[in-house]
Each structure stands twice: as structure tokens, then as C-alpha cells.
N, C-alpha and C. Protein backbone atom coordinates (compact mmCIF):
# COMPACT_ATOMS: atom_id res chain seq x y z
N MET A 1 54.02 12.02 46.32
CA MET A 1 54.46 13.33 46.74
C MET A 1 53.24 14.17 47.12
N ILE A 2 53.43 14.98 48.15
CA ILE A 2 52.30 15.72 48.70
C ILE A 2 52.63 17.20 48.88
N LEU A 3 51.59 18.00 48.95
CA LEU A 3 51.68 19.40 49.35
C LEU A 3 50.82 19.53 50.61
N VAL A 4 51.42 20.01 51.69
CA VAL A 4 50.73 20.08 52.98
C VAL A 4 50.25 21.50 53.21
N ASP A 5 48.98 21.64 53.58
CA ASP A 5 48.37 22.93 53.86
C ASP A 5 48.72 23.40 55.27
N ALA A 6 48.59 24.70 55.49
CA ALA A 6 48.93 25.30 56.79
C ALA A 6 48.12 24.72 57.93
N ASN A 7 46.85 24.38 57.69
CA ASN A 7 46.05 23.88 58.82
C ASN A 7 46.62 22.59 59.40
N ILE A 8 47.18 21.75 58.58
CA ILE A 8 47.79 20.51 59.07
C ILE A 8 49.04 20.83 59.89
N LEU A 9 49.85 21.76 59.41
CA LEU A 9 51.05 22.17 60.15
C LEU A 9 50.69 22.77 61.50
N ILE A 10 49.65 23.60 61.51
CA ILE A 10 49.22 24.26 62.75
C ILE A 10 48.69 23.24 63.74
N TYR A 11 47.82 22.36 63.28
CA TYR A 11 47.30 21.32 64.17
C TYR A 11 48.42 20.44 64.72
N ALA A 12 49.42 20.16 63.89
CA ALA A 12 50.53 19.31 64.31
C ALA A 12 51.41 19.99 65.35
N LYS A 13 51.49 21.31 65.31
CA LYS A 13 52.38 22.04 66.21
C LYS A 13 51.70 22.49 67.50
N VAL A 14 50.44 22.92 67.41
CA VAL A 14 49.74 23.53 68.55
C VAL A 14 48.92 22.46 69.27
N SER A 15 49.31 22.16 70.49
CA SER A 15 48.68 21.06 71.23
C SER A 15 47.28 21.39 71.75
N ASP A 16 46.84 22.64 71.63
CA ASP A 16 45.51 23.04 72.10
C ASP A 16 44.38 22.43 71.26
N PHE A 17 44.69 22.00 70.05
CA PHE A 17 43.66 21.50 69.15
C PHE A 17 43.35 20.03 69.39
N ALA A 18 42.08 19.67 69.25
CA ALA A 18 41.68 18.27 69.37
C ALA A 18 42.37 17.41 68.30
N GLN A 19 42.67 18.01 67.17
CA GLN A 19 43.29 17.29 66.05
C GLN A 19 44.81 17.14 66.20
N HIS A 20 45.37 17.68 67.28
CA HIS A 20 46.83 17.76 67.42
C HIS A 20 47.52 16.41 67.27
N GLU A 21 47.12 15.42 68.04
CA GLU A 21 47.84 14.14 68.03
C GLU A 21 47.76 13.45 66.67
N ILE A 22 46.58 13.48 66.06
CA ILE A 22 46.43 12.85 64.74
C ILE A 22 47.29 13.58 63.71
N ALA A 23 47.22 14.92 63.71
CA ALA A 23 47.99 15.71 62.75
C ALA A 23 49.49 15.54 62.98
N ARG A 24 49.91 15.56 64.22
CA ARG A 24 51.34 15.42 64.54
C ARG A 24 51.86 14.06 64.07
N ALA A 25 51.13 13.01 64.40
CA ALA A 25 51.56 11.66 64.00
C ALA A 25 51.60 11.52 62.48
N TRP A 26 50.56 12.03 61.81
CA TRP A 26 50.50 11.94 60.35
C TRP A 26 51.67 12.70 59.73
N LEU A 27 51.90 13.94 60.19
CA LEU A 27 52.97 14.76 59.62
C LEU A 27 54.34 14.14 59.89
N GLU A 28 54.57 13.69 61.10
CA GLU A 28 55.86 13.07 61.42
C GLU A 28 56.11 11.84 60.54
N ALA A 29 55.07 11.06 60.30
CA ALA A 29 55.22 9.89 59.43
C ALA A 29 55.59 10.30 58.01
N ARG A 30 54.93 11.33 57.49
CA ARG A 30 55.23 11.79 56.13
C ARG A 30 56.64 12.35 56.06
N LEU A 31 57.05 13.10 57.07
CA LEU A 31 58.38 13.71 57.06
C LEU A 31 59.48 12.66 57.18
N GLY A 32 59.14 11.50 57.73
CA GLY A 32 60.11 10.43 57.88
C GLY A 32 60.18 9.49 56.69
N GLU A 33 59.30 9.66 55.72
CA GLU A 33 59.27 8.81 54.53
C GLU A 33 60.21 9.38 53.47
N PRO A 34 60.63 8.54 52.53
CA PRO A 34 61.53 9.03 51.49
C PRO A 34 60.87 9.95 50.46
N GLY A 35 59.53 9.92 50.36
CA GLY A 35 58.84 10.77 49.39
C GLY A 35 58.96 12.24 49.72
N LYS A 36 58.75 13.07 48.74
CA LYS A 36 58.88 14.51 48.92
C LYS A 36 57.63 15.11 49.57
N VAL A 37 57.87 16.03 50.50
CA VAL A 37 56.81 16.78 51.17
C VAL A 37 56.95 18.23 50.73
N GLY A 38 55.95 18.75 50.01
CA GLY A 38 55.98 20.12 49.55
C GLY A 38 55.40 21.07 50.59
N LEU A 39 56.21 22.06 50.97
CA LEU A 39 55.77 23.12 51.88
C LEU A 39 56.04 24.45 51.19
N PRO A 40 55.09 24.94 50.39
CA PRO A 40 55.31 26.19 49.67
C PRO A 40 55.33 27.39 50.63
N TRP A 41 55.99 28.45 50.21
CA TRP A 41 56.11 29.62 51.07
C TRP A 41 54.77 30.18 51.54
N PRO A 42 53.73 30.25 50.72
CA PRO A 42 52.46 30.76 51.26
C PRO A 42 51.96 29.94 52.46
N VAL A 43 52.18 28.63 52.44
CA VAL A 43 51.78 27.77 53.56
C VAL A 43 52.62 28.08 54.79
N LEU A 44 53.93 28.18 54.60
CA LEU A 44 54.83 28.46 55.72
C LEU A 44 54.54 29.84 56.32
N LEU A 45 54.26 30.82 55.47
CA LEU A 45 53.94 32.16 55.98
C LEU A 45 52.61 32.16 56.73
N SER A 46 51.65 31.39 56.26
CA SER A 46 50.38 31.27 56.99
C SER A 46 50.61 30.63 58.35
N PHE A 47 51.44 29.59 58.40
CA PHE A 47 51.78 28.97 59.68
C PHE A 47 52.37 30.01 60.63
N LEU A 48 53.31 30.80 60.15
CA LEU A 48 53.94 31.83 60.99
C LEU A 48 52.92 32.88 61.42
N ARG A 49 52.12 33.35 60.47
CA ARG A 49 51.14 34.41 60.76
C ARG A 49 50.13 33.96 61.80
N ILE A 50 49.65 32.74 61.69
CA ILE A 50 48.58 32.27 62.58
C ILE A 50 49.12 31.85 63.94
N THR A 51 50.21 31.09 63.97
CA THR A 51 50.68 30.56 65.26
C THR A 51 51.29 31.63 66.16
N THR A 52 51.66 32.77 65.60
CA THR A 52 52.24 33.84 66.42
C THR A 52 51.23 34.94 66.75
N ASN A 53 49.98 34.74 66.39
CA ASN A 53 48.96 35.79 66.53
C ASN A 53 48.26 35.71 67.89
N PRO A 54 48.44 36.73 68.75
CA PRO A 54 47.80 36.71 70.07
C PRO A 54 46.28 36.89 70.00
N ARG A 55 45.74 37.30 68.86
CA ARG A 55 44.28 37.40 68.73
C ARG A 55 43.65 36.03 68.45
N ILE A 56 44.48 35.09 68.05
CA ILE A 56 44.00 33.74 67.76
C ILE A 56 44.26 32.80 68.93
N PHE A 57 45.43 32.91 69.52
CA PHE A 57 45.83 32.01 70.60
C PHE A 57 46.10 32.78 71.89
N ALA A 58 45.63 32.23 73.00
CA ALA A 58 45.94 32.82 74.31
C ALA A 58 47.44 32.76 74.57
N ARG A 59 48.05 31.69 74.07
CA ARG A 59 49.51 31.52 74.21
C ARG A 59 50.11 31.29 72.83
N PRO A 60 50.26 32.36 72.04
CA PRO A 60 50.83 32.18 70.70
C PRO A 60 52.30 31.78 70.79
N LEU A 61 52.79 31.20 69.74
CA LEU A 61 54.21 30.87 69.68
C LEU A 61 55.01 32.16 69.56
N ALA A 62 56.16 32.19 70.17
CA ALA A 62 57.09 33.29 69.94
C ALA A 62 57.57 33.18 68.50
N THR A 63 57.87 34.32 67.90
CA THR A 63 58.32 34.31 66.51
C THR A 63 59.54 33.40 66.34
N ALA A 64 60.47 33.46 67.28
CA ALA A 64 61.67 32.62 67.20
C ALA A 64 61.31 31.13 67.22
N GLU A 65 60.33 30.76 68.04
CA GLU A 65 59.92 29.35 68.12
C GLU A 65 59.24 28.90 66.82
N ALA A 66 58.35 29.76 66.31
CA ALA A 66 57.65 29.42 65.07
C ALA A 66 58.65 29.32 63.91
N TRP A 67 59.58 30.28 63.84
CA TRP A 67 60.57 30.23 62.77
C TRP A 67 61.48 29.02 62.91
N ALA A 68 61.85 28.66 64.14
CA ALA A 68 62.69 27.48 64.36
C ALA A 68 61.99 26.23 63.82
N GLN A 69 60.67 26.17 63.98
CA GLN A 69 59.92 25.02 63.45
C GLN A 69 59.98 25.00 61.93
N VAL A 70 59.75 26.15 61.31
CA VAL A 70 59.83 26.24 59.85
C VAL A 70 61.23 25.84 59.37
N ASP A 71 62.24 26.37 60.04
CA ASP A 71 63.62 26.08 59.68
C ASP A 71 63.91 24.58 59.80
N GLU A 72 63.38 23.96 60.85
CA GLU A 72 63.56 22.52 61.04
C GLU A 72 62.92 21.74 59.89
N TRP A 73 61.67 22.10 59.54
CA TRP A 73 61.02 21.42 58.43
C TRP A 73 61.83 21.56 57.15
N LEU A 74 62.29 22.78 56.87
CA LEU A 74 63.01 23.03 55.62
C LEU A 74 64.36 22.31 55.57
N SER A 75 64.90 21.98 56.72
CA SER A 75 66.20 21.31 56.75
C SER A 75 66.09 19.81 56.48
N LEU A 76 64.89 19.28 56.51
CA LEU A 76 64.71 17.84 56.31
C LEU A 76 64.94 17.48 54.84
N PRO A 77 65.59 16.34 54.58
CA PRO A 77 65.94 16.00 53.20
C PRO A 77 64.75 15.79 52.26
N GLY A 78 63.61 15.37 52.78
CA GLY A 78 62.45 15.12 51.92
C GLY A 78 61.53 16.31 51.73
N VAL A 79 61.88 17.45 52.33
CA VAL A 79 61.02 18.64 52.25
C VAL A 79 61.56 19.60 51.19
N TRP A 80 60.65 20.18 50.43
CA TRP A 80 61.02 21.18 49.43
C TRP A 80 59.93 22.24 49.35
N THR A 81 60.23 23.35 48.72
CA THR A 81 59.26 24.43 48.57
C THR A 81 58.88 24.53 47.09
N PRO A 82 57.73 23.97 46.73
CA PRO A 82 57.29 24.03 45.33
C PRO A 82 57.08 25.48 44.88
N LEU A 83 57.59 25.78 43.73
CA LEU A 83 57.44 27.12 43.14
C LEU A 83 56.56 27.04 41.91
N PRO A 84 55.93 28.15 41.54
CA PRO A 84 55.14 28.15 40.31
C PRO A 84 56.01 27.82 39.10
N THR A 85 55.42 27.07 38.19
CA THR A 85 56.11 26.76 36.93
C THR A 85 55.68 27.77 35.88
N GLU A 86 56.18 27.58 34.67
CA GLU A 86 55.78 28.46 33.57
C GLU A 86 54.30 28.30 33.23
N ARG A 87 53.66 27.23 33.71
CA ARG A 87 52.23 26.99 33.48
C ARG A 87 51.34 27.61 34.55
N HIS A 88 51.93 28.24 35.56
CA HIS A 88 51.15 28.64 36.72
C HIS A 88 49.99 29.58 36.37
N ALA A 89 50.26 30.60 35.57
CA ALA A 89 49.19 31.55 35.23
C ALA A 89 48.03 30.84 34.53
N GLU A 90 48.35 29.94 33.64
CA GLU A 90 47.31 29.20 32.91
C GLU A 90 46.50 28.32 33.87
N VAL A 91 47.18 27.54 34.71
CA VAL A 91 46.50 26.63 35.62
C VAL A 91 45.70 27.40 36.66
N LEU A 92 46.30 28.41 37.26
CA LEU A 92 45.62 29.21 38.27
C LEU A 92 44.41 29.93 37.68
N GLY A 93 44.59 30.56 36.53
CA GLY A 93 43.48 31.26 35.88
C GLY A 93 42.32 30.33 35.59
N ARG A 94 42.63 29.13 35.08
CA ARG A 94 41.58 28.15 34.78
C ARG A 94 40.83 27.77 36.05
N LEU A 95 41.55 27.51 37.15
CA LEU A 95 40.89 27.14 38.41
C LEU A 95 40.01 28.27 38.93
N LEU A 96 40.52 29.48 38.90
CA LEU A 96 39.75 30.62 39.40
C LEU A 96 38.47 30.82 38.60
N VAL A 97 38.60 30.81 37.28
CA VAL A 97 37.45 31.08 36.42
C VAL A 97 36.43 29.94 36.46
N ARG A 98 36.89 28.71 36.35
CA ARG A 98 35.96 27.57 36.35
C ARG A 98 35.18 27.44 37.65
N THR A 99 35.82 27.76 38.76
CA THR A 99 35.15 27.58 40.05
C THR A 99 34.54 28.87 40.58
N GLY A 100 34.81 29.99 39.91
CA GLY A 100 34.32 31.27 40.40
C GLY A 100 34.95 31.66 41.74
N SER A 101 36.13 31.13 42.00
CA SER A 101 36.79 31.40 43.28
C SER A 101 37.20 32.85 43.38
N SER A 102 36.92 33.43 44.54
CA SER A 102 37.30 34.82 44.80
C SER A 102 37.59 34.95 46.29
N ALA A 103 38.00 36.13 46.68
CA ALA A 103 38.25 36.47 48.08
C ALA A 103 39.15 35.44 48.77
N ASN A 104 38.65 34.83 49.82
CA ASN A 104 39.47 33.91 50.63
C ASN A 104 39.83 32.61 49.91
N LEU A 105 39.17 32.32 48.80
CA LEU A 105 39.49 31.09 48.06
C LEU A 105 40.64 31.28 47.07
N VAL A 106 41.05 32.52 46.83
CA VAL A 106 42.15 32.77 45.90
C VAL A 106 43.45 32.12 46.36
N PRO A 107 43.84 32.26 47.64
CA PRO A 107 45.06 31.54 48.08
C PRO A 107 44.94 30.02 47.95
N ASP A 108 43.75 29.48 48.18
CA ASP A 108 43.54 28.04 48.01
C ASP A 108 43.73 27.65 46.54
N ALA A 109 43.23 28.48 45.64
CA ALA A 109 43.40 28.21 44.21
C ALA A 109 44.87 28.23 43.83
N HIS A 110 45.63 29.14 44.42
CA HIS A 110 47.08 29.19 44.17
C HIS A 110 47.75 27.89 44.61
N LEU A 111 47.41 27.41 45.82
CA LEU A 111 47.99 26.15 46.30
C LEU A 111 47.54 24.98 45.43
N ALA A 112 46.28 24.98 45.03
CA ALA A 112 45.77 23.92 44.15
C ALA A 112 46.54 23.92 42.83
N ALA A 113 46.78 25.10 42.28
CA ALA A 113 47.54 25.20 41.03
C ALA A 113 48.96 24.65 41.20
N LEU A 114 49.61 25.00 42.31
CA LEU A 114 50.95 24.46 42.58
C LEU A 114 50.92 22.93 42.63
N ALA A 115 49.94 22.39 43.34
CA ALA A 115 49.84 20.94 43.47
C ALA A 115 49.61 20.28 42.10
N ILE A 116 48.73 20.85 41.30
CA ILE A 116 48.46 20.31 39.97
C ILE A 116 49.71 20.37 39.10
N GLU A 117 50.39 21.51 39.11
CA GLU A 117 51.58 21.68 38.28
C GLU A 117 52.66 20.65 38.60
N HIS A 118 52.81 20.34 39.87
CA HIS A 118 53.88 19.44 40.31
C HIS A 118 53.42 18.00 40.51
N GLY A 119 52.14 17.72 40.22
CA GLY A 119 51.62 16.36 40.37
C GLY A 119 51.55 15.91 41.82
N LEU A 120 51.23 16.83 42.72
CA LEU A 120 51.19 16.54 44.16
C LEU A 120 49.76 16.32 44.63
N VAL A 121 49.62 15.57 45.71
CA VAL A 121 48.33 15.41 46.38
C VAL A 121 48.23 16.53 47.42
N MET A 122 47.16 17.31 47.37
CA MET A 122 46.93 18.38 48.33
C MET A 122 46.40 17.77 49.62
N CYS A 123 47.13 17.96 50.72
CA CYS A 123 46.75 17.41 52.02
C CYS A 123 46.30 18.53 52.93
N SER A 124 45.01 18.55 53.25
CA SER A 124 44.42 19.63 54.03
C SER A 124 43.15 19.13 54.70
N SER A 125 42.79 19.77 55.79
CA SER A 125 41.49 19.47 56.39
C SER A 125 40.42 20.42 55.87
N ASP A 126 40.79 21.28 54.93
CA ASP A 126 39.88 22.25 54.33
C ASP A 126 39.21 21.63 53.11
N GLY A 127 37.95 21.30 53.23
CA GLY A 127 37.20 20.67 52.15
C GLY A 127 36.99 21.55 50.94
N ASP A 128 37.29 22.85 51.04
CA ASP A 128 37.15 23.73 49.88
C ASP A 128 38.03 23.29 48.72
N PHE A 129 39.08 22.55 49.01
CA PHE A 129 39.97 22.11 47.93
C PHE A 129 39.28 21.13 46.99
N THR A 130 38.21 20.50 47.42
CA THR A 130 37.52 19.54 46.54
C THR A 130 36.84 20.24 45.36
N ARG A 131 36.71 21.53 45.40
CA ARG A 131 36.06 22.26 44.31
C ARG A 131 36.95 22.43 43.08
N PHE A 132 38.25 22.18 43.22
CA PHE A 132 39.18 22.46 42.12
C PHE A 132 39.35 21.25 41.21
N PRO A 133 38.88 21.35 39.95
CA PRO A 133 38.99 20.21 39.03
C PRO A 133 40.45 19.89 38.72
N GLY A 134 40.74 18.60 38.71
CA GLY A 134 42.09 18.16 38.40
C GLY A 134 43.01 18.07 39.60
N LEU A 135 42.54 18.51 40.76
CA LEU A 135 43.36 18.46 41.98
C LEU A 135 43.15 17.15 42.70
N ARG A 136 44.22 16.47 43.04
CA ARG A 136 44.13 15.28 43.89
C ARG A 136 44.21 15.78 45.33
N TYR A 137 43.25 15.37 46.15
CA TYR A 137 43.09 15.91 47.50
C TYR A 137 42.89 14.79 48.50
N MET A 138 43.41 15.00 49.71
CA MET A 138 43.07 14.11 50.82
C MET A 138 43.07 14.90 52.11
N ASN A 139 42.16 14.50 53.01
CA ASN A 139 42.12 15.06 54.35
C ASN A 139 42.76 14.03 55.28
N PRO A 140 44.00 14.26 55.70
CA PRO A 140 44.68 13.27 56.53
C PRO A 140 44.10 13.13 57.93
N LEU A 141 43.22 14.04 58.32
CA LEU A 141 42.61 13.98 59.65
C LEU A 141 41.30 13.22 59.65
N SER A 142 40.80 12.88 58.47
CA SER A 142 39.55 12.14 58.35
C SER A 142 39.78 10.68 58.73
N SER A 143 38.77 10.09 59.34
CA SER A 143 38.88 8.67 59.69
C SER A 143 38.95 7.80 58.43
N GLN A 144 38.48 8.33 57.31
CA GLN A 144 38.57 7.62 56.04
C GLN A 144 39.60 8.31 55.14
N ALA A 145 40.73 8.70 55.71
CA ALA A 145 41.74 9.45 54.95
C ALA A 145 42.21 8.66 53.75
N GLN A 146 41.83 9.15 52.59
CA GLN A 146 42.31 8.58 51.34
C GLN A 146 42.24 9.66 50.29
N GLU A 147 43.04 9.49 49.28
CA GLU A 147 43.11 10.48 48.22
C GLU A 147 41.79 10.54 47.47
N VAL A 148 41.36 11.77 47.19
CA VAL A 148 40.17 11.99 46.38
C VAL A 148 40.65 12.50 45.02
N PRO A 149 40.43 11.72 43.94
CA PRO A 149 40.94 12.14 42.63
C PRO A 149 40.23 13.39 42.12
């Protein structure tokens, strides 16, 4: 079971990126497997915020198009939205304090905590996730894509 970060979703959807084909193929394969694919709301909201932003893209997605993509993902039988458990404050606090994470790393720590709580592998091209102890991580866009314990 995996938790997919927004960067993978964005690369898979937006064809302007060099990583598009690799990300699209990887994501489609995961979505077609019987295992669970975790897409938490912070990830989905980041996808919406970034792909519809005209300051980021010359041709941003229309809100309706971006939402239709989110809706399609959520309708798939193997997709779910992991929520914080009763352990979330403990796990998140430990990650933040041990790593000294602040500012832009706080949302990453939240996703890492969700992945740890649910026993998921964090799938992202953002290497910052390797700083979180106890998080299983993999970069699916790497030529040596494999889980990092």
C-alpha cells in the first residue's frame, strides 16, 4: 500500500513535464493494481492548487478539469483518502521535533506521519521525505526506483 505525493500526480497529469510519461505510466499501473493507493486530502488540494495556477503554468488546468481528475481518482476502487489516526499528534510531533522540520517541511511531515500511521510507502520525487525516521519512501521516477526503508 502506498501514499502518493502531489508531485507525482502533477507530473502524471501535466504533459509539459519531462517526467510526464514515466509518472503517468507508473501511476496508471498502481491505480490498476488491487493494492490500495492513498491520496490524502492535502495531496489532492495541492494538486488542485498547483495545476490550476496561471502563475505556474502558461496553460493551467481549468478548475472543472482538475476537479474531474480528482473525482476520477477517488472513484477508483483501490483509492482511499488516509485520515489521521488517534496517534497522529504523537507521530507528527516526533517527526517535527526529531528532524527540526519547520516552514515548508511541515506539510511533508504531516504526510510522512500519515504514511507511518497507516503502514504506507511514501511515493514522491521529493527527497526531503528521506529525513523522516521510520518512513518507508520510494521515488517512482528514479531509474533505481525501490523502497528506501
